[in-house]
Amino acid sequence: MMRHLRASFLVAAALICGCAAHSPAKHDPRDPFERVNRATFKFNDALDRAALRPVAKGYRKVTPRFIQTGVSNFMDNLDTPLTLVNDLLQGKFKAGLNDTGRLLLNTTLGLGGLLDPASDAGLDKNDEDFGQTFGKWGVRAGPYLVLPFLGPSNMRDGVARIPDATANPLTYVERDRIRLSLYALSVLDSRVHLLDVDDTLNQAYDRYAFMRNAYLQRREYLVTDGQGPDRQVDEEQMLEDSQDSEN
């Protein structure tokens, strides 16, 4: 679950993809709880600035690159059972075979997932979770939510966190110290991957609206497998849209 959420900053993946932003100048009907959401956003942002971001920067600076890569590979491999279950629930049987091969190959020849021989063998990584599965089944996204510590979400994805957690192998690690350490490492690894988009986010006039729009459009893209409305624009256009709120 944590890897798919990218901790509280999964939305930054949407920034990389360059999804268009819905103008925040007017009230967004997708965000009926905006006042509460903005307060939670400020709390999460303060926590990130005080703790997560400095630790992530230090980790990137002092940790050898091959170790960082191994940690990322290991966490990605832990995500594969969740992806595999949702492949099958969505009827994506070819993707299910692909991800079964990834899991077997990376767990064995990849030394428990530290290496990624599956990608070298042409077995590409997929990204599926129960939020996407519910969307495929026709469940609407519902209101936009910002969850404490976890960040952007919506009603559908928030409920989907429960089965996501059930499918996460870390849930079944009995020793608390090991389980919590792995969760913390997953959050750290996720935050490190998002350091490169911090500058882009900080250029937005309304950072809250920028993140909200990117998250919602990214989730729409994932649920529809890219078959939804064409919302692809560059980051400069997103910044222009977010700056409309100044007027």
Foldseek 3Di string as FASTA:
>chain_A
DCLLLLFQPNLLVLQVQAFAFDFPQDDDPLAPPVVVQVVLVVVLVVCCVVPQVVVLVVCVVPPDPLQLLLLVQLVLLLLLQQVLVLCVLLVVVVLNVLSVVQNVCCCPVVVNRSRRVSVVVVSDDDRDHVLLSVVSVPDDQAHWHQDHRRHTGGPSVVVRVVVSLVSRPLNPPPDPVVSVVSSVSSSSSSVNVSPVCPVLLVLAPDSSSLSHRSVVVVSVCSSVVNPDDDRHDHSVSSSVSSCVNVD
